[in-house]
Amino acid sequence: MKKKVDIAVLIMAAGGSRRMDGIKQLMPWKDSNFLLETIKTVQNTNSESVHVVLGSNAEFITTQCSLEEKNIDIIVNSNWENGLGDSIAYGVKVLLKQRSTLDGILICLADQPLLSFKYLNSLIEEFVKHPSKVIATNYGKKLGVPTLFPKLLFKELSTLKGDFGAKEILNDESNAIISLNAADQIVDIDTNLEYQNLINRTNNTLNT
């Protein structure tokens, strides 16, 4: 990287897994589970700090994952049922109280298990070149997370509400946005069927 930028990562893991049997954050994946593998991936990036936003089953997840032993910051949103937007806003507000020097906040989800640290680093590297722009992931017909938000949008992030995450910011044409293509790394796991398809896909790849 050409110059140092102060970037924090917010891993969103507050949801209640309503469409799955079991706790999504703890679904088996690789050597551990979705949340721990996401944390490992993020810790391999060029970010300065890692913060996990929990909500539903926060205490159980913290214990099961031994999160207090990891080099991460745990943020618990007691109002997680208000939706992803509310959890993002809460996480950002807590983060800004801790880190007034931040240049950017990279928002990731704990249920995108195929994302690599190299892709996340590509977002960071693009942000270094364009520190006032949003660096988002291209989903084809829409933009989504992982997304790296610049300082000028921190206030807007901290006022998000509802269950639409940061979509309103990404859909606002007045914001300067650069989008990158994560190709086949973009898979959201929300149901048991999607989880089983992921496992089958992974097994098929290993066996070919």
Protein backbone atom coordinates (compact mmCIF):
# COMPACT_ATOMS: atom_id res chain seq x y z
CA MET A 1 0.00 0.00 0.00
CA LYS A 2 1.29 3.42 -0.91
CA LYS A 3 0.18 5.22 2.23
CA LYS A 4 -1.30 4.34 5.58
CA VAL A 5 -5.01 4.74 6.07
CA ASP A 6 -6.90 4.06 9.28
CA ILE A 7 -9.60 1.53 8.43
CA ALA A 8 -11.77 -0.41 10.86
CA VAL A 9 -13.83 -3.44 9.87
CA LEU A 10 -17.35 -3.95 11.22
CA ILE A 11 -18.46 -7.58 10.92
CA MET A 12 -22.24 -7.65 11.13
CA ALA A 13 -23.34 -10.74 13.07
CA ALA A 14 -26.35 -9.52 15.06
CA GLY A 15 -29.22 -11.22 13.23
CA GLY A 16 -31.54 -13.86 14.59
CA SER A 17 -31.18 -16.50 11.83
CA ARG A 18 -34.95 -16.69 11.49
CA ARG A 19 -34.83 -18.68 8.25
CA MET A 20 -32.37 -21.30 9.47
CA ASP A 21 -32.49 -24.15 11.96
CA GLY A 22 -29.82 -23.15 14.43
CA ILE A 23 -27.64 -20.11 14.92
CA LYS A 24 -26.25 -19.01 11.56
CA GLN A 25 -23.11 -17.41 12.99
CA LEU A 26 -22.15 -20.81 14.45
CA MET A 27 -22.88 -22.98 11.40
CA PRO A 28 -19.92 -25.30 10.77
CA TRP A 29 -17.54 -24.00 8.12
CA LYS A 30 -13.94 -24.97 7.32
CA ASP A 31 -12.12 -25.43 10.64
CA SER A 32 -14.72 -23.73 12.82
CA ASN A 33 -17.85 -21.73 11.91
CA PHE A 34 -19.07 -18.81 9.80
CA LEU A 35 -18.25 -16.09 12.31
CA LEU A 36 -14.80 -17.32 13.31
CA GLU A 37 -13.77 -17.90 9.69
CA THR A 38 -14.98 -14.40 8.78
CA ILE A 39 -12.91 -12.98 11.63
CA LYS A 40 -9.84 -14.91 10.41
CA THR A 41 -10.35 -13.58 6.88
CA VAL A 42 -10.69 -9.99 8.05
CA GLN A 43 -7.68 -10.24 10.36
CA ASN A 44 -5.55 -11.09 7.33
CA THR A 45 -6.41 -7.80 5.62
CA ASN A 46 -4.69 -4.43 5.77
CA SER A 47 -7.27 -3.02 8.18
CA GLU A 48 -6.26 -1.53 11.52
CA SER A 49 -8.90 -3.14 13.73
CA VAL A 50 -11.72 -5.68 13.73
CA HIS A 51 -15.08 -5.14 15.44
CA VAL A 52 -17.94 -7.65 15.62
CA VAL A 53 -21.51 -6.45 16.10
CA LEU A 54 -23.58 -9.08 17.93
CA GLY A 55 -27.23 -9.06 18.97
CA SER A 56 -29.31 -12.24 18.99
CA ASN A 57 -27.66 -14.96 21.12
CA ALA A 58 -24.76 -12.56 21.80
CA GLU A 59 -23.63 -14.15 25.05
CA PHE A 60 -23.86 -17.71 23.70
CA ILE A 61 -21.97 -16.81 20.50
CA THR A 62 -19.29 -14.98 22.48
CA THR A 63 -18.77 -18.04 24.68
CA GLN A 64 -18.93 -20.64 21.89
CA CYS A 65 -16.40 -18.71 19.80
CA SER A 66 -14.21 -17.63 22.76
CA LEU A 67 -14.44 -14.13 21.28
CA GLU A 68 -13.04 -12.43 24.37
CA GLU A 69 -9.76 -14.24 23.71
CA LYS A 70 -9.52 -12.92 20.16
CA ASN A 71 -7.91 -9.64 19.17
CA ILE A 72 -11.25 -8.07 18.32
CA ASP A 73 -13.73 -5.60 19.77
CA ILE A 74 -17.17 -6.97 20.64
CA ILE A 75 -20.14 -4.62 20.23
CA VAL A 76 -23.57 -5.82 21.37
CA ASN A 77 -26.67 -4.15 19.99
CA SER A 78 -29.57 -4.86 22.35
CA ASN A 79 -31.97 -3.50 19.70
CA TRP A 80 -30.82 -5.94 17.00
CA GLU A 81 -34.43 -6.88 16.21
CA ASN A 82 -34.84 -3.42 14.63
CA GLY A 83 -32.85 -4.70 11.66
CA LEU A 84 -29.46 -4.60 9.99
CA GLY A 85 -29.57 -0.84 9.50
CA ASP A 86 -30.01 -0.29 13.22
CA SER A 87 -27.11 -2.63 14.01
CA ILE A 88 -24.85 -0.87 11.52
CA ALA A 89 -25.77 2.52 13.01
CA TYR A 90 -25.13 1.30 16.55
CA GLY A 91 -21.80 -0.28 15.60
CA VAL A 92 -20.65 2.88 13.83
CA LYS A 93 -21.59 5.10 16.79
CA VAL A 94 -19.66 2.89 19.23
CA LEU A 95 -16.72 2.71 16.85
CA LEU A 96 -16.49 6.47 16.39
CA LYS A 97 -16.41 7.01 20.15
CA GLN A 98 -13.37 4.71 20.28
CA ARG A 99 -11.59 5.82 17.13
CA SER A 100 -11.86 9.49 16.16
CA THR A 101 -9.04 9.19 13.60
CA LEU A 102 -10.77 6.70 11.30
CA ASP A 103 -10.55 7.28 7.55
CA GLY A 104 -12.88 4.48 6.54
CA ILE A 105 -15.18 1.75 7.82
CA LEU A 106 -15.40 -1.54 5.94
CA ILE A 107 -18.72 -3.27 6.56
CA CYS A 108 -18.84 -7.05 6.09
CA LEU A 109 -21.37 -9.76 6.86
CA ALA A 110 -20.72 -12.94 8.81
CA ASP A 111 -22.71 -15.01 6.29
CA GLN A 112 -20.58 -14.53 3.15
CA PRO A 113 -18.15 -17.41 3.75
CA LEU A 114 -16.49 -17.46 0.33
CA LEU A 115 -15.03 -13.96 0.57
CA SER A 116 -11.24 -13.89 0.61
CA PHE A 117 -8.94 -11.50 2.38
CA LYS A 118 -7.44 -10.68 -1.03
CA TYR A 119 -10.77 -9.35 -2.24
CA LEU A 120 -11.24 -7.30 0.92
CA ASN A 121 -7.72 -5.94 0.45
CA SER A 122 -8.64 -4.92 -3.09
CA LEU A 123 -11.41 -2.75 -1.62
CA ILE A 124 -8.91 -1.20 0.78
CA GLU A 125 -6.35 -0.62 -1.97
CA GLU A 126 -8.97 1.14 -4.10
CA PHE A 127 -9.93 3.25 -1.09
CA VAL A 128 -6.31 4.34 -0.64
CA LYS A 129 -6.46 5.77 -4.17
CA HIS A 130 -9.90 7.34 -3.67
CA PRO A 131 -10.33 8.08 0.08
CA SER A 132 -13.45 10.21 -0.36
CA LYS A 133 -15.38 7.61 -2.36
CA VAL A 134 -17.48 4.60 -1.42
CA ILE A 135 -15.86 1.34 -2.52
CA ALA A 136 -18.69 -1.18 -2.92
CA THR A 137 -19.20 -4.72 -4.20
CA ASN A 138 -21.00 -5.12 -7.51
CA TYR A 139 -23.83 -7.66 -7.44
CA GLY A 140 -24.73 -7.15 -11.09
CA LYS A 141 -27.95 -5.15 -10.88
CA LYS A 142 -27.19 -3.67 -7.47
CA LEU A 143 -24.39 -2.73 -5.10
CA GLY A 144 -23.85 -4.32 -1.72
CA VAL A 145 -21.46 -5.26 1.01
CA PRO A 146 -18.61 -5.69 1.64
CA THR A 147 -18.44 -1.91 1.23
CA LEU A 148 -15.85 0.55 2.46
CA PHE A 149 -17.34 3.88 3.51
CA PRO A 150 -15.37 7.13 3.75
CA LYS A 151 -15.39 9.55 6.68
CA LEU A 152 -17.84 11.94 5.02
CA LEU A 153 -20.57 9.27 5.26
CA PHE A 154 -19.98 8.23 8.89
CA LYS A 155 -22.79 10.44 10.14
CA GLU A 156 -25.22 8.99 7.62
CA LEU A 157 -24.19 5.46 8.57
CA SER A 158 -24.82 6.25 12.22
CA THR A 159 -28.45 7.18 11.51
CA LEU A 160 -29.48 4.11 9.49
CA LYS A 161 -32.67 2.35 10.52
CA GLY A 162 -34.70 -0.70 9.57
CA ASP A 163 -33.64 -3.88 7.85
CA PHE A 164 -32.21 -2.52 4.60
CA GLY A 165 -28.65 -2.12 5.81
CA ALA A 166 -26.81 0.57 3.90
CA LYS A 167 -28.84 0.18 0.69
CA GLU A 168 -30.16 3.75 0.80
CA ILE A 169 -26.61 5.10 0.81
CA LEU A 170 -25.53 2.77 -2.01
CA ASN A 171 -28.60 3.70 -4.05
CA ASP A 172 -28.03 7.45 -3.61
CA GLU A 173 -26.68 8.65 -6.95
CA SER A 174 -25.22 11.76 -5.33
CA ASN A 175 -22.61 9.60 -3.59
CA ALA A 176 -19.37 8.92 -5.46
CA ILE A 177 -19.16 5.14 -5.66
CA ILE A 178 -16.61 2.77 -7.18
CA SER A 179 -17.73 -0.85 -7.49
CA LEU A 180 -15.55 -3.95 -7.64
CA ASN A 181 -16.52 -7.42 -8.82
CA ALA A 182 -16.10 -10.26 -6.33
CA ALA A 183 -17.25 -12.80 -8.95
CA ASP A 184 -18.21 -16.16 -7.41
CA GLN A 185 -17.17 -15.11 -3.92
CA ILE A 186 -20.55 -13.47 -3.34
CA VAL A 187 -22.82 -16.00 -1.67
CA ASP A 188 -25.24 -15.04 1.11
CA ILE A 189 -26.38 -17.90 3.34
CA ASP A 190 -29.84 -17.27 4.78
CA THR A 191 -31.57 -20.68 4.64
CA ASN A 192 -30.76 -24.33 5.33
CA LEU A 193 -31.02 -25.05 1.61
CA GLU A 194 -28.47 -22.34 0.76
CA TYR A 195 -26.17 -23.71 3.45
CA GLN A 196 -26.46 -27.26 2.10
CA ASN A 197 -25.84 -26.02 -1.44
CA LEU A 198 -22.71 -24.29 -0.19
CA ILE A 199 -21.45 -27.47 1.47
CA ASN A 200 -22.20 -29.52 -1.67
CA ARG A 201 -20.49 -26.95 -3.87
CA THR A 202 -17.42 -26.94 -1.65
CA ASN A 203 -17.25 -30.74 -1.56
CA ASN A 204 -17.60 -30.93 -5.33
CA THR A 205 -14.74 -28.46 -5.75
CA LEU A 206 -12.51 -30.47 -3.41
CA ASN A 207 -13.29 -33.68 -5.27
CA THR A 208 -12.51 -32.35 -8.77
